[in-house]
Amino acid sequence: MDVSLAKASIASLAYKYQNDDTMIKDWETKLYYNSVTHIMDDTKRPDVPITYGHAWVE
């Protein structure tokens, strides 16, 4: 991760409603909210070279 602070807000709202002309047959409501604050300090992490491997597939 190359940033020291990452923030995210996620929300969702869904509903389903059904009736049969005389009364409510089915009603479903969903509400979701999430807030994330991620703080990370990589300033003291040592530099490690990134290596890539190869694999030959026949």
Protein backbone atom coordinates (compact mmCIF):
# COMPACT_ATOMS: atom_id res chain seq x y z
CA MET A 1 0.00 0.00 0.00
CA ASP A 2 1.53 3.30 -1.07
CA VAL A 3 -0.67 5.64 0.97
CA SER A 4 -0.66 6.31 4.69
CA LEU A 5 -4.43 6.78 4.99
CA ALA A 6 -7.31 5.15 3.14
CA LYS A 7 -10.98 5.91 3.80
CA ALA A 8 -14.07 4.26 2.37
CA SER A 9 -17.82 4.56 2.84
CA ILE A 10 -20.09 1.86 1.49
CA ALA A 11 -23.88 1.95 1.52
CA SER A 12 -26.66 -0.15 0.07
CA LEU A 13 -30.44 0.04 0.10
CA ALA A 14 -32.73 -2.61 -1.36
CA TYR A 15 -36.43 -3.31 -1.10
CA LYS A 16 -38.97 -5.80 -2.41
CA TYR A 17 -42.72 -5.30 -2.20
CA GLN A 18 -45.50 -7.60 -3.42
CA ASN A 19 -49.24 -7.49 -2.89
CA ASP A 20 -52.26 -9.37 -4.18
CA ASP A 21 -54.66 -6.38 -4.50
CA THR A 22 -56.20 -6.87 -1.05
CA MET A 23 -53.28 -6.97 1.37
CA ILE A 24 -49.50 -6.92 1.53
CA LYS A 25 -48.19 -10.33 0.57
CA ASP A 26 -44.46 -9.70 1.04
CA TRP A 27 -42.37 -6.73 2.13
CA GLU A 28 -38.60 -6.83 2.61
CA THR A 29 -36.27 -3.89 3.25
CA LYS A 30 -32.50 -4.03 3.66
CA LEU A 31 -30.19 -1.18 4.65
CA TYR A 32 -26.42 -1.46 5.01
CA TYR A 33 -23.74 1.09 5.81
CA ASN A 34 -20.04 0.65 6.55
CA SER A 35 -17.29 3.20 7.11
CA VAL A 36 -13.62 2.20 7.07
CA THR A 37 -10.56 4.22 8.05
CA HIS A 38 -7.29 2.38 7.47
CA ILE A 39 -4.08 4.00 8.74
CA MET A 40 -0.78 2.37 7.83
CA ASP A 41 2.77 3.63 8.27
CA ASP A 42 5.35 2.01 6.00
CA THR A 43 8.10 4.54 6.72
CA LYS A 44 10.05 2.11 8.92
CA ARG A 45 9.56 -0.94 6.68
CA PRO A 46 12.80 -2.06 5.00
CA ASP A 47 13.09 -1.93 1.22
CA VAL A 48 12.88 -5.46 -0.14
CA PRO A 49 13.51 -6.15 -3.82
CA ILE A 50 10.56 -7.58 -5.69
CA THR A 51 11.41 -10.69 -7.69
CA TYR A 52 9.34 -12.43 -10.30
CA GLY A 53 9.43 -16.14 -11.06
CA HIS A 54 8.98 -18.00 -14.33
CA ALA A 55 7.35 -21.32 -15.00
CA TRP A 56 7.32 -22.95 -18.43
CA VAL A 57 4.11 -24.80 -19.20
CA GLU A 58 3.96 -27.38 -21.94
